[in-house]
Amino acid sequence: MRLKKSFRVSTYAAFSVLSLSGAVWLLADWQKEFSTGEIWQQVAANMLMIHGGTAMLALLLLGALIPIHLLRAWRSRKNRISGSLVVTINAVLITTAFGLYYLGSEALRPWMSWIHLAAGCSVVLLLPVHIWLGRRESKVKRGADANTLASVSNQPTCSIVRIQEGRHR
């Protein structure tokens, strides 16, 4: 189920910013333990703000994807396995993000953080595969439709007339 170009570009941009800001935050968080300056602390704080703000936009886009992409693709039995994995990983990301932001448990926080990081890396790898599989499937279908159309158009158009003429004799 191909999306409109503006919606597709918006979704790709939001997920790209999420991926990049998460990766830069991870680097900055790692660097602030080895550095004496405040620069990495500031970079980490800024990346979390960008990541959180973009996550809100991504939630809106994911909600919009449900009726215009997910449900239609599910009903037409297209790309179900990778689509289900993308949905599941996004649900894990949403749940762990909620836990990281709202739960104050010091026992759960490291687990939530590691699960969130693993899910984030997974979606970065899986989303392009999901897109590639969907495009490949639609390209194969377009090729099959073109071959069917070509074979139908090559059929003689007067064969029914010839059969009927043969019966009258």
C-alpha atoms as a PDB file:
ATOM      1  CA  MET A   1       0.000   0.000   0.000  1.00  0.00           C
ATOM      2  CA  ARG A   2       1.979   2.944  -1.261  1.00  0.00           C
ATOM      3  CA  LEU A   3       1.586   6.164   0.698  1.00  0.00           C
ATOM      4  CA  LYS A   4       1.190   9.659  -0.709  1.00  0.00           C
ATOM      5  CA  LYS A   5       4.585  11.224  -1.284  1.00  0.00           C
ATOM      6  CA  SER A   6       4.160  14.023   1.287  1.00  0.00           C
ATOM      7  CA  PHE A   7       3.059  11.585   3.986  1.00  0.00           C
ATOM      8  CA  ARG A   8       5.816   9.117   3.105  1.00  0.00           C
ATOM      9  CA  VAL A   9       8.493  11.831   3.198  1.00  0.00           C
ATOM     10  CA  SER A  10       7.163  13.150   6.531  1.00  0.00           C
ATOM     11  CA  THR A  11       7.242   9.672   8.038  1.00  0.00           C
ATOM     12  CA  TYR A  12      10.735   8.947   6.731  1.00  0.00           C
ATOM     13  CA  ALA A  13      11.952  12.323   8.001  1.00  0.00           C
ATOM     14  CA  ALA A  14      10.482  11.810  11.478  1.00  0.00           C
ATOM     15  CA  PHE A  15      12.003   8.345  11.809  1.00  0.00           C
ATOM     16  CA  SER A  16      15.343   9.616  10.482  1.00  0.00           C
ATOM     17  CA  VAL A  17      15.418  12.418  13.069  1.00  0.00           C
ATOM     18  CA  LEU A  18      14.443   9.937  15.792  1.00  0.00           C
ATOM     19  CA  SER A  19      17.242   7.580  14.741  1.00  0.00           C
ATOM     20  CA  LEU A  20      19.854  10.297  14.425  1.00  0.00           C
ATOM     21  CA  SER A  21      18.947  12.074  17.660  1.00  0.00           C
ATOM     22  CA  GLY A  22      18.911   8.752  19.518  1.00  0.00           C
ATOM     23  CA  ALA A  23      22.336   7.821  18.144  1.00  0.00           C
ATOM     24  CA  VAL A  24      23.836  11.246  18.949  1.00  0.00           C
ATOM     25  CA  TRP A  25      22.302  11.120  22.442  1.00  0.00           C
ATOM     26  CA  LEU A  26      23.862   7.686  22.983  1.00  0.00           C
ATOM     27  CA  LEU A  27      27.263   8.996  21.895  1.00  0.00           C
ATOM     28  CA  ALA A  28      26.923  12.124  24.059  1.00  0.00           C
ATOM     29  CA  ASP A  29      25.781  10.107  27.069  1.00  0.00           C
ATOM     30  CA  TRP A  30      28.773   7.827  26.668  1.00  0.00           C
ATOM     31  CA  GLN A  31      31.170  10.773  26.179  1.00  0.00           C
ATOM     32  CA  LYS A  32      29.988  12.741  29.207  1.00  0.00           C
ATOM     33  CA  GLU A  33      31.366  10.012  31.490  1.00  0.00           C
ATOM     34  CA  PHE A  34      34.855  10.385  29.985  1.00  0.00           C
ATOM     35  CA  SER A  35      34.898  14.141  29.462  1.00  0.00           C
ATOM     36  CA  THR A  36      35.343  16.883  32.056  1.00  0.00           C
ATOM     37  CA  GLY A  37      33.532  19.605  30.094  1.00  0.00           C
ATOM     38  CA  GLU A  38      29.840  20.398  30.071  1.00  0.00           C
ATOM     39  CA  ILE A  39      29.503  20.206  26.289  1.00  0.00           C
ATOM     40  CA  TRP A  40      28.462  16.546  26.200  1.00  0.00           C
ATOM     41  CA  GLN A  41      25.935  17.104  28.983  1.00  0.00           C
ATOM     42  CA  GLN A  42      24.377  19.912  26.918  1.00  0.00           C
ATOM     43  CA  VAL A  43      24.438  17.854  23.704  1.00  0.00           C
ATOM     44  CA  ALA A  44      22.756  14.947  25.498  1.00  0.00           C
ATOM     45  CA  ALA A  45      20.040  17.240  26.919  1.00  0.00           C
ATOM     46  CA  ASN A  46      19.404  18.843  23.518  1.00  0.00           C
ATOM     47  CA  MET A  47      19.226  15.464  21.781  1.00  0.00           C
ATOM     48  CA  LEU A  48      16.683  14.228  24.316  1.00  0.00           C
ATOM     49  CA  MET A  49      14.517  17.305  23.654  1.00  0.00           C
ATOM     50  CA  ILE A  50      14.713  16.778  19.892  1.00  0.00           C
ATOM     51  CA  HIS A  51      14.122  13.030  20.297  1.00  0.00           C
ATOM     52  CA  GLY A  52      11.100  13.540  22.559  1.00  0.00           C
ATOM     53  CA  GLY A  53       9.540  16.224  20.371  1.00  0.00           C
ATOM     54  CA  THR A  54      10.028  14.191  17.232  1.00  0.00           C
ATOM     55  CA  ALA A  55       8.601  11.134  19.008  1.00  0.00           C
ATOM     56  CA  MET A  56       5.346  13.064  19.531  1.00  0.00           C
ATOM     57  CA  LEU A  57       5.189  13.788  15.810  1.00  0.00           C
ATOM     58  CA  ALA A  58       6.009  10.136  15.054  1.00  0.00           C
ATOM     59  CA  LEU A  59       3.118   9.046  17.289  1.00  0.00           C
ATOM     60  CA  LEU A  60       0.751  11.170  15.210  1.00  0.00           C
ATOM     61  CA  LEU A  61       2.144   9.722  11.993  1.00  0.00           C
ATOM     62  CA  LEU A  62       1.930   6.154  13.311  1.00  0.00           C
ATOM     63  CA  GLY A  63      -1.687   6.769  14.309  1.00  0.00           C
ATOM     64  CA  ALA A  64      -2.445   8.051  10.820  1.00  0.00           C
ATOM     65  CA  LEU A  65      -0.741   5.007   9.286  1.00  0.00           C
ATOM     66  CA  ILE A  66      -3.224   2.631  10.914  1.00  0.00           C
ATOM     67  CA  PRO A  67      -6.272   3.344   8.709  1.00  0.00           C
ATOM     68  CA  ILE A  68      -4.501   4.404   5.511  1.00  0.00           C
ATOM     69  CA  HIS A  69      -1.739   1.822   5.386  1.00  0.00           C
ATOM     70  CA  LEU A  70      -1.781  -0.863   8.040  1.00  0.00           C
ATOM     71  CA  LEU A  71      -5.430  -1.944   7.894  1.00  0.00           C
ATOM     72  CA  ARG A  72      -5.588  -1.831   4.088  1.00  0.00           C
ATOM     73  CA  ALA A  73      -2.362  -3.823   3.723  1.00  0.00           C
ATOM     74  CA  TRP A  74      -3.505  -6.346   6.323  1.00  0.00           C
ATOM     75  CA  ARG A  75      -6.828  -6.925   4.548  1.00  0.00           C
ATOM     76  CA  SER A  76      -5.090  -7.377   1.207  1.00  0.00           C
ATOM     77  CA  ARG A  77      -2.561  -9.755   2.832  1.00  0.00           C
ATOM     78  CA  LYS A  78       0.469  -7.692   1.849  1.00  0.00           C
ATOM     79  CA  ASN A  79       3.799  -7.626   3.694  1.00  0.00           C
ATOM     80  CA  ARG A  80       2.250  -8.982   6.894  1.00  0.00           C
ATOM     81  CA  ILE A  81       5.327 -10.473   8.567  1.00  0.00           C
ATOM     82  CA  SER A  82       7.640  -7.478   8.343  1.00  0.00           C
ATOM     83  CA  GLY A  83       4.715  -5.112   8.967  1.00  0.00           C
ATOM     84  CA  SER A  84       3.784  -7.001  12.138  1.00  0.00           C
ATOM     85  CA  LEU A  85       7.388  -6.814  13.314  1.00  0.00           C
ATOM     86  CA  VAL A  86       7.522  -3.061  12.652  1.00  0.00           C
ATOM     87  CA  VAL A  87       4.269  -2.551  14.595  1.00  0.00           C
ATOM     88  CA  THR A  88       5.492  -4.704  17.489  1.00  0.00           C
ATOM     89  CA  ILE A  89       8.835  -2.930  17.737  1.00  0.00           C
ATOM     90  CA  ASN A  90       7.112   0.458  17.638  1.00  0.00           C
ATOM     91  CA  ALA A  91       4.794  -0.690  20.442  1.00  0.00           C
ATOM     92  CA  VAL A  92       7.872  -1.681  22.482  1.00  0.00           C
ATOM     93  CA  LEU A  93       9.454   1.711  21.768  1.00  0.00           C
ATOM     94  CA  ILE A  94       6.302   3.557  22.858  1.00  0.00           C
ATOM     95  CA  THR A  95       5.944   1.481  26.024  1.00  0.00           C
ATOM     96  CA  THR A  96       9.579   1.801  27.051  1.00  0.00           C
ATOM     97  CA  ALA A  97       9.625   5.526  26.252  1.00  0.00           C
ATOM     98  CA  PHE A  98       6.607   5.959  28.537  1.00  0.00           C
ATOM     99  CA  GLY A  99       8.420   3.973  31.217  1.00  0.00           C
ATOM    100  CA  LEU A 100      11.615   5.992  30.862  1.00  0.00           C
ATOM    101  CA  TYR A 101       9.760   9.295  31.052  1.00  0.00           C
ATOM    102  CA  TYR A 102       7.116   8.596  33.672  1.00  0.00           C
ATOM    103  CA  LEU A 103       8.294   5.719  35.883  1.00  0.00           C
ATOM    104  CA  GLY A 104      10.739   6.719  38.570  1.00  0.00           C
ATOM    105  CA  SER A 105      11.843   3.198  39.443  1.00  0.00           C
ATOM    106  CA  GLU A 106      15.619   3.001  39.561  1.00  0.00           C
ATOM    107  CA  ALA A 107      15.365  -0.794  39.332  1.00  0.00           C
ATOM    108  CA  LEU A 108      13.370  -0.725  36.056  1.00  0.00           C
ATOM    109  CA  ARG A 109      15.045   2.250  34.393  1.00  0.00           C
ATOM    110  CA  PRO A 110      18.220   0.441  33.184  1.00  0.00           C
ATOM    111  CA  TRP A 111      16.116  -2.399  31.752  1.00  0.00           C
ATOM    112  CA  MET A 112      13.756   0.033  30.016  1.00  0.00           C
ATOM    113  CA  SER A 113      16.732   1.923  28.627  1.00  0.00           C
ATOM    114  CA  TRP A 114      18.430  -1.164  27.185  1.00  0.00           C
ATOM    115  CA  ILE A 115      15.170  -2.493  25.730  1.00  0.00           C
ATOM    116  CA  HIS A 116      14.455   0.929  24.195  1.00  0.00           C
ATOM    117  CA  LEU A 117      17.936   1.078  22.671  1.00  0.00           C
ATOM    118  CA  ALA A 118      17.669  -2.455  21.268  1.00  0.00           C
ATOM    119  CA  ALA A 119      14.211  -1.779  19.833  1.00  0.00           C
ATOM    120  CA  GLY A 120      15.396   1.519  18.340  1.00  0.00           C
ATOM    121  CA  CYS A 121      18.333  -0.193  16.628  1.00  0.00           C
ATOM    122  CA  SER A 122      15.996  -2.959  15.443  1.00  0.00           C
ATOM    123  CA  VAL A 123      13.501  -0.572  13.866  1.00  0.00           C
ATOM    124  CA  VAL A 124      16.343   1.280  12.141  1.00  0.00           C
ATOM    125  CA  LEU A 125      17.311  -2.007  10.502  1.00  0.00           C
ATOM    126  CA  LEU A 126      13.831  -3.437   9.948  1.00  0.00           C
ATOM    127  CA  LEU A 127      11.962  -0.427   8.550  1.00  0.00           C
ATOM    128  CA  PRO A 128      14.077  -0.221   5.365  1.00  0.00           C
ATOM    129  CA  VAL A 129      13.614  -3.989   4.883  1.00  0.00           C
ATOM    130  CA  HIS A 130       9.836  -3.580   5.289  1.00  0.00           C
ATOM    131  CA  ILE A 131       9.810  -0.772   2.727  1.00  0.00           C
ATOM    132  CA  TRP A 132      12.002  -2.747   0.303  1.00  0.00           C
ATOM    133  CA  LEU A 133       9.796  -5.845   0.606  1.00  0.00           C
ATOM    134  CA  GLY A 134       6.670  -3.783  -0.014  1.00  0.00           C
ATOM    135  CA  ARG A 135       8.131  -2.070  -3.051  1.00  0.00           C
ATOM    136  CA  ARG A 136       9.441  -5.366  -4.424  1.00  0.00           C
ATOM    137  CA  GLU A 137       6.027  -6.982  -3.983  1.00  0.00           C
ATOM    138  CA  SER A 138       4.232  -4.132  -5.735  1.00  0.00           C
ATOM    139  CA  LYS A 139       6.821  -4.111  -8.541  1.00  0.00           C
ATOM    140  CA  VAL A 140       6.309  -7.850  -9.072  1.00  0.00           C
ATOM    141  CA  LYS A 141       2.531  -7.339  -9.057  1.00  0.00           C
ATOM    142  CA  ARG A 142       2.779  -4.473 -11.565  1.00  0.00           C
ATOM    143  CA  GLY A 143       4.915  -6.698 -13.807  1.00  0.00           C
ATOM    144  CA  ALA A 144       2.415  -9.557 -13.530  1.00  0.00           C
ATOM    145  CA  ASP A 145      -0.473  -7.190 -14.289  1.00  0.00           C
ATOM    146  CA  ALA A 146       1.377  -5.867 -17.345  1.00  0.00           C
ATOM    147  CA  ASN A 147       2.041  -9.435 -18.579  1.00  0.00           C
ATOM    148  CA  THR A 148      -1.611 -10.381 -18.068  1.00  0.00           C
ATOM    149  CA  LEU A 149      -2.748  -7.282 -19.928  1.00  0.00           C
ATOM    150  CA  ALA A 150      -0.293  -7.972 -22.750  1.00  0.00           C
ATOM    151  CA  SER A 151      -1.406 -11.581 -23.117  1.00  0.00           C
ATOM    152  CA  VAL A 152      -5.069 -10.573 -23.138  1.00  0.00           C
ATOM    153  CA  SER A 153      -4.469  -7.859 -25.717  1.00  0.00           C
ATOM    154  CA  ASN A 154      -2.652 -10.344 -28.003  1.00  0.00           C
ATOM    155  CA  GLN A 155      -5.669 -12.652 -28.204  1.00  0.00           C
ATOM    156  CA  PRO A 156      -7.610 -12.563 -31.466  1.00  0.00           C
ATOM    157  CA  THR A 157     -10.759 -10.524 -31.045  1.00  0.00           C
ATOM    158  CA  CYS A 158     -12.852 -12.358 -33.616  1.00  0.00           C
ATOM    159  CA  SER A 159     -12.495 -15.885 -32.194  1.00  0.00           C
ATOM    160  CA  ILE A 160     -16.008 -15.807 -30.739  1.00  0.00           C
ATOM    161  CA  VAL A 161     -17.402 -14.787 -34.124  1.00  0.00           C
ATOM    162  CA  ARG A 162     -15.579 -17.678 -35.828  1.00  0.00           C
ATOM    163  CA  ILE A 163     -17.000 -20.191 -33.377  1.00  0.00           C
ATOM    164  CA  GLN A 164     -20.485 -18.860 -33.877  1.00  0.00           C
ATOM    165  CA  GLU A 165     -20.060 -18.915 -37.658  1.00  0.00           C
ATOM    166  CA  GLY A 166     -18.986 -22.567 -37.425  1.00  0.00           C
ATOM    167  CA  ARG A 167     -22.189 -23.506 -35.623  1.00  0.00           C
ATOM    168  CA  HIS A 168     -24.453 -22.013 -38.270  1.00  0.00           C
ATOM    169  CA  ARG A 169     -22.973 -24.055 -41.122  1.00  0.00           C
END
